[in-house]
Amino acid sequence: MIRKYLYASFVGCFLFCLSASAQTTNHAAYSLFVVNFAKYASWPQAGTDFKIAVLGKSKIYEELLKSTANKNVNGQPYKVSQIESASEIGDAQIVFIPDNKSSNLDEVVKATAGKSIMIVTEREGLAKKGADFSFLIIDNKLRFDINSSDLEKRNIKVASSLVSIANSSM
């Protein structure tokens, strides 16, 4: 019952976000995707908080604060933080790399190697270069690529329903 509700809410969010314009960055849409990636994935470790770290300054930070306020995932309250370097990632479950910090992907991949930390990037194509999810716009619709093999290496399990709606799975 809960799975059906979660799946329906993710699909609804996905369809809503598909209308994102290619000319403007819809940080609220990115935020909803990140929150739903958390809902449809499972990590081997469970802490007291579900931590999402945003690398550098980005409007998605404020949007994530809004969309996670007073909410939790799998019984863990969200804790969103803004970090300045990969050395500050700590025990976050998700690291979001905004477009203006895309050049830091290699540093983040190295800092999170061997850890169950999901890397989500705003810039298109980075799922092929070490990120687990990257966003792209197709026909003015927000989509995402998923790097299933990297998620497996990181011991993060993602629901098949999430993989099935990805633009491409590597």
C-alpha atoms as a PDB file:
ATOM      1  CA  MET A   1       0.000   0.000   0.000  1.00  0.00           C
ATOM      2  CA  ILE A   2       2.750   2.430   0.998  1.00  0.00           C
ATOM      3  CA  ARG A   3       4.853   1.393  -2.031  1.00  0.00           C
ATOM      4  CA  LYS A   4       1.920   2.158  -4.362  1.00  0.00           C
ATOM      5  CA  TYR A   5       1.467   5.558  -2.725  1.00  0.00           C
ATOM      6  CA  LEU A   6       5.185   6.350  -2.993  1.00  0.00           C
ATOM      7  CA  TYR A   7       5.286   5.213  -6.608  1.00  0.00           C
ATOM      8  CA  ALA A   8       2.213   7.297  -7.458  1.00  0.00           C
ATOM      9  CA  SER A   9       3.687  10.359  -5.739  1.00  0.00           C
ATOM     10  CA  PHE A  10       7.003   9.959  -7.552  1.00  0.00           C
ATOM     11  CA  VAL A  11       5.316   9.524 -10.926  1.00  0.00           C
ATOM     12  CA  GLY A  12       3.146  12.578 -10.189  1.00  0.00           C
ATOM     13  CA  CYS A  13       6.215  14.596  -9.237  1.00  0.00           C
ATOM     14  CA  PHE A  14       8.012  13.338 -12.320  1.00  0.00           C
ATOM     15  CA  LEU A  15       5.169  14.344 -14.631  1.00  0.00           C
ATOM     16  CA  PHE A  16       4.935  17.755 -12.950  1.00  0.00           C
ATOM     17  CA  CYS A  17       8.656  18.297 -13.329  1.00  0.00           C
ATOM     18  CA  LEU A  18       8.668  17.274 -16.973  1.00  0.00           C
ATOM     19  CA  SER A  19       7.355  20.692 -17.862  1.00  0.00           C
ATOM     20  CA  ALA A  20      10.572  22.410 -16.729  1.00  0.00           C
ATOM     21  CA  SER A  21      11.782  24.977 -19.210  1.00  0.00           C
ATOM     22  CA  ALA A  22      15.209  24.619 -20.782  1.00  0.00           C
ATOM     23  CA  GLN A  23      15.780  28.389 -20.476  1.00  0.00           C
ATOM     24  CA  THR A  24      15.358  28.591 -16.706  1.00  0.00           C
ATOM     25  CA  THR A  25      16.643  26.291 -14.031  1.00  0.00           C
ATOM     26  CA  ASN A  26      13.774  24.922 -11.992  1.00  0.00           C
ATOM     27  CA  HIS A  27      15.469  24.317  -8.652  1.00  0.00           C
ATOM     28  CA  ALA A  28      12.176  23.262  -7.062  1.00  0.00           C
ATOM     29  CA  ALA A  29      11.911  20.461  -9.627  1.00  0.00           C
ATOM     30  CA  TYR A  30      15.500  19.349  -8.990  1.00  0.00           C
ATOM     31  CA  SER A  31      14.766  19.364  -5.270  1.00  0.00           C
ATOM     32  CA  LEU A  32      11.680  17.175  -5.683  1.00  0.00           C
ATOM     33  CA  PHE A  33      13.681  14.707  -7.744  1.00  0.00           C
ATOM     34  CA  VAL A  34      16.440  14.512  -5.119  1.00  0.00           C
ATOM     35  CA  VAL A  35      13.888  13.927  -2.350  1.00  0.00           C
ATOM     36  CA  ASN A  36      12.274  11.179  -4.418  1.00  0.00           C
ATOM     37  CA  PHE A  37      15.653   9.592  -5.213  1.00  0.00           C
ATOM     38  CA  ALA A  38      16.040   9.280  -1.432  1.00  0.00           C
ATOM     39  CA  LYS A  39      12.604   7.665  -1.109  1.00  0.00           C
ATOM     40  CA  TYR A  40      13.274   5.108  -3.827  1.00  0.00           C
ATOM     41  CA  ALA A  41      16.733   4.052  -2.713  1.00  0.00           C
ATOM     42  CA  SER A  42      18.120   2.232   0.285  1.00  0.00           C
ATOM     43  CA  TRP A  43      21.494   2.537   1.965  1.00  0.00           C
ATOM     44  CA  PRO A  44      23.225  -0.109   4.090  1.00  0.00           C
ATOM     45  CA  GLN A  45      23.873   2.236   7.028  1.00  0.00           C
ATOM     46  CA  ALA A  46      21.208   4.016   8.997  1.00  0.00           C
ATOM     47  CA  GLY A  47      22.055   7.086  11.018  1.00  0.00           C
ATOM     48  CA  THR A  48      19.818   9.326  13.061  1.00  0.00           C
ATOM     49  CA  ASP A  49      19.384  11.832  10.188  1.00  0.00           C
ATOM     50  CA  PHE A  50      19.172  11.463   6.420  1.00  0.00           C
ATOM     51  CA  LYS A  51      21.849  13.884   5.230  1.00  0.00           C
ATOM     52  CA  ILE A  52      21.910  15.722   1.924  1.00  0.00           C
ATOM     53  CA  ALA A  53      24.951  17.890   1.221  1.00  0.00           C
ATOM     54  CA  VAL A  54      24.917  20.591  -1.465  1.00  0.00           C
ATOM     55  CA  LEU A  55      28.351  21.508  -2.798  1.00  0.00           C
ATOM     56  CA  GLY A  56      28.765  25.279  -3.003  1.00  0.00           C
ATOM     57  CA  LYS A  57      26.135  27.968  -3.285  1.00  0.00           C
ATOM     58  CA  SER A  58      23.012  27.039  -5.234  1.00  0.00           C
ATOM     59  CA  LYS A  59      19.324  27.857  -5.088  1.00  0.00           C
ATOM     60  CA  ILE A  60      18.632  24.138  -4.761  1.00  0.00           C
ATOM     61  CA  TYR A  61      19.887  24.406  -1.174  1.00  0.00           C
ATOM     62  CA  GLU A  62      16.955  26.644  -0.217  1.00  0.00           C
ATOM     63  CA  GLU A  63      14.535  24.475  -2.204  1.00  0.00           C
ATOM     64  CA  LEU A  64      15.764  21.338  -0.444  1.00  0.00           C
ATOM     65  CA  LEU A  65      15.326  23.046   2.919  1.00  0.00           C
ATOM     66  CA  LYS A  66      11.711  23.855   1.975  1.00  0.00           C
ATOM     67  CA  SER A  67      10.850  20.455   0.520  1.00  0.00           C
ATOM     68  CA  THR A  68      12.336  18.484   3.416  1.00  0.00           C
ATOM     69  CA  ALA A  69      11.138  20.656   6.316  1.00  0.00           C
ATOM     70  CA  ASN A  70       9.456  18.527   8.978  1.00  0.00           C
ATOM     71  CA  LYS A  71       9.647  15.437   6.743  1.00  0.00           C
ATOM     72  CA  ASN A  72      11.533  12.202   6.958  1.00  0.00           C
ATOM     73  CA  VAL A  73      12.550   9.270   4.825  1.00  0.00           C
ATOM     74  CA  ASN A  74      12.365   5.771   6.308  1.00  0.00           C
ATOM     75  CA  GLY A  75      11.930   7.286   9.760  1.00  0.00           C
ATOM     76  CA  GLN A  76      14.988   9.538   9.468  1.00  0.00           C
ATOM     77  CA  PRO A  77      14.480  13.318   9.432  1.00  0.00           C
ATOM     78  CA  TYR A  78      16.198  15.128   6.576  1.00  0.00           C
ATOM     79  CA  LYS A  79      19.208  17.289   7.348  1.00  0.00           C
ATOM     80  CA  VAL A  80      20.333  19.502   4.463  1.00  0.00           C
ATOM     81  CA  SER A  81      23.706  21.238   4.579  1.00  0.00           C
ATOM     82  CA  GLN A  82      25.767  23.418   2.301  1.00  0.00           C
ATOM     83  CA  ILE A  83      29.426  22.453   1.996  1.00  0.00           C
ATOM     84  CA  GLU A  84      32.359  24.157   0.298  1.00  0.00           C
ATOM     85  CA  SER A  85      34.558  21.153  -0.511  1.00  0.00           C
ATOM     86  CA  ALA A  86      34.468  17.386  -0.882  1.00  0.00           C
ATOM     87  CA  SER A  87      36.365  17.048   2.401  1.00  0.00           C
ATOM     88  CA  GLU A  88      33.199  18.241   4.205  1.00  0.00           C
ATOM     89  CA  ILE A  89      30.884  15.494   2.845  1.00  0.00           C
ATOM     90  CA  GLY A  90      31.227  13.399   5.992  1.00  0.00           C
ATOM     91  CA  ASP A  91      28.478  10.802   6.372  1.00  0.00           C
ATOM     92  CA  ALA A  92      25.940  12.352   3.977  1.00  0.00           C
ATOM     93  CA  GLN A  93      23.804   9.893   2.025  1.00  0.00           C
ATOM     94  CA  ILE A  94      23.414  12.235  -0.976  1.00  0.00           C
ATOM     95  CA  VAL A  95      25.756  14.868  -2.391  1.00  0.00           C
ATOM     96  CA  PHE A  96      24.269  17.303  -4.893  1.00  0.00           C
ATOM     97  CA  ILE A  97      26.689  18.999  -7.281  1.00  0.00           C
ATOM     98  CA  PRO A  98      25.159  22.083  -8.940  1.00  0.00           C
ATOM     99  CA  ASP A  99      26.143  23.072 -12.457  1.00  0.00           C
ATOM    100  CA  ASN A 100      28.623  25.728 -11.287  1.00  0.00           C
ATOM    101  CA  LYS A 101      30.557  23.087  -9.286  1.00  0.00           C
ATOM    102  CA  SER A 102      30.577  20.361 -11.969  1.00  0.00           C
ATOM    103  CA  SER A 103      34.345  20.617 -12.282  1.00  0.00           C
ATOM    104  CA  ASN A 104      34.540  19.189  -8.744  1.00  0.00           C
ATOM    105  CA  LEU A 105      32.994  15.834  -9.744  1.00  0.00           C
ATOM    106  CA  ASP A 106      36.323  13.945  -9.792  1.00  0.00           C
ATOM    107  CA  GLU A 107      37.180  15.295  -6.341  1.00  0.00           C
ATOM    108  CA  VAL A 108      33.767  14.206  -4.990  1.00  0.00           C
ATOM    109  CA  VAL A 109      34.052  10.753  -6.609  1.00  0.00           C
ATOM    110  CA  LYS A 110      37.475  10.256  -4.976  1.00  0.00           C
ATOM    111  CA  ALA A 111      36.269  11.524  -1.582  1.00  0.00           C
ATOM    112  CA  THR A 112      33.278   9.161  -1.618  1.00  0.00           C
ATOM    113  CA  ALA A 113      35.013   6.073  -3.064  1.00  0.00           C
ATOM    114  CA  GLY A 114      34.037   2.938  -1.163  1.00  0.00           C
ATOM    115  CA  LYS A 115      31.248   4.765   0.672  1.00  0.00           C
ATOM    116  CA  SER A 116      27.479   4.472   0.248  1.00  0.00           C
ATOM    117  CA  ILE A 117      27.032   8.065  -0.863  1.00  0.00           C
ATOM    118  CA  MET A 118      24.846   8.919  -3.856  1.00  0.00           C
ATOM    119  CA  ILE A 119      26.173  11.633  -6.170  1.00  0.00           C
ATOM    120  CA  VAL A 120      23.526  13.703  -7.979  1.00  0.00           C
ATOM    121  CA  THR A 121      24.609  16.327 -10.514  1.00  0.00           C
ATOM    122  CA  GLU A 122      22.757  19.118 -12.228  1.00  0.00           C
ATOM    123  CA  ARG A 123      24.877  19.022 -15.410  1.00  0.00           C
ATOM    124  CA  GLU A 124      23.960  16.714 -18.248  1.00  0.00           C
ATOM    125  CA  GLY A 125      26.257  13.789 -19.035  1.00  0.00           C
ATOM    126  CA  LEU A 126      27.961  13.459 -15.662  1.00  0.00           C
ATOM    127  CA  ALA A 127      26.320  10.101 -14.931  1.00  0.00           C
ATOM    128  CA  LYS A 128      28.721   8.780 -17.568  1.00  0.00           C
ATOM    129  CA  LYS A 129      31.667  10.290 -15.692  1.00  0.00           C
ATOM    130  CA  GLY A 130      31.132   8.984 -12.167  1.00  0.00           C
ATOM    131  CA  ALA A 131      27.932  10.572 -10.861  1.00  0.00           C
ATOM    132  CA  ASP A 132      24.985   8.332  -9.982  1.00  0.00           C
ATOM    133  CA  PHE A 133      22.295  10.669 -11.357  1.00  0.00           C
ATOM    134  CA  SER A 134      22.541  13.602 -13.752  1.00  0.00           C
ATOM    135  CA  PHE A 135      19.778  15.816 -15.046  1.00  0.00           C
ATOM    136  CA  LEU A 136      19.113  16.728 -18.652  1.00  0.00           C
ATOM    137  CA  ILE A 137      16.480  18.582 -20.625  1.00  0.00           C
ATOM    138  CA  ILE A 138      14.853  16.830 -23.596  1.00  0.00           C
ATOM    139  CA  ASP A 139      12.159  18.679 -25.558  1.00  0.00           C
ATOM    140  CA  ASN A 140      11.884  21.192 -22.682  1.00  0.00           C
ATOM    141  CA  LYS A 141      11.282  18.340 -20.227  1.00  0.00           C
ATOM    142  CA  LEU A 142      13.437  17.595 -17.210  1.00  0.00           C
ATOM    143  CA  ARG A 143      14.763  14.026 -17.277  1.00  0.00           C
ATOM    144  CA  PHE A 144      17.580  12.157 -15.563  1.00  0.00           C
ATOM    145  CA  ASP A 145      20.213   9.573 -16.367  1.00  0.00           C
ATOM    146  CA  ILE A 146      21.133   6.943 -13.814  1.00  0.00           C
ATOM    147  CA  ASN A 147      24.432   5.137 -13.369  1.00  0.00           C
ATOM    148  CA  SER A 148      23.182   1.801 -12.021  1.00  0.00           C
ATOM    149  CA  SER A 149      26.594   0.137 -12.018  1.00  0.00           C
ATOM    150  CA  ASP A 150      28.100   2.865  -9.833  1.00  0.00           C
ATOM    151  CA  LEU A 151      25.144   2.721  -7.435  1.00  0.00           C
ATOM    152  CA  GLU A 152      25.703  -1.022  -7.147  1.00  0.00           C
ATOM    153  CA  LYS A 153      29.412  -0.452  -6.360  1.00  0.00           C
ATOM    154  CA  ARG A 154      28.350   2.010  -3.671  1.00  0.00           C
ATOM    155  CA  ASN A 155      25.956  -0.592  -2.235  1.00  0.00           C
ATOM    156  CA  ILE A 156      22.940   1.654  -2.820  1.00  0.00           C
ATOM    157  CA  LYS A 157      19.835  -0.149  -4.002  1.00  0.00           C
ATOM    158  CA  VAL A 158      17.416   1.747  -6.231  1.00  0.00           C
ATOM    159  CA  ALA A 159      13.823   0.691  -6.926  1.00  0.00           C
ATOM    160  CA  SER A 160      13.292  -0.743 -10.400  1.00  0.00           C
ATOM    161  CA  SER A 161      10.420   1.722 -10.879  1.00  0.00           C
ATOM    162  CA  LEU A 162      12.950   4.565 -10.614  1.00  0.00           C
ATOM    163  CA  VAL A 163      15.324   2.925 -13.076  1.00  0.00           C
ATOM    164  CA  SER A 164      12.447   2.329 -15.507  1.00  0.00           C
ATOM    165  CA  ILE A 165      11.622   6.049 -15.802  1.00  0.00           C
ATOM    166  CA  ALA A 166      15.234   7.173 -16.246  1.00  0.00           C
ATOM    167  CA  ASN A 167      16.263   8.541 -19.607  1.00  0.00           C
ATOM    168  CA  SER A 168      19.082   6.016 -19.751  1.00  0.00           C
ATOM    169  CA  SER A 169      20.659   3.547 -17.387  1.00  0.00           C
ATOM    170  CA  MET A 170      24.338   2.756 -17.540  1.00  0.00           C
END
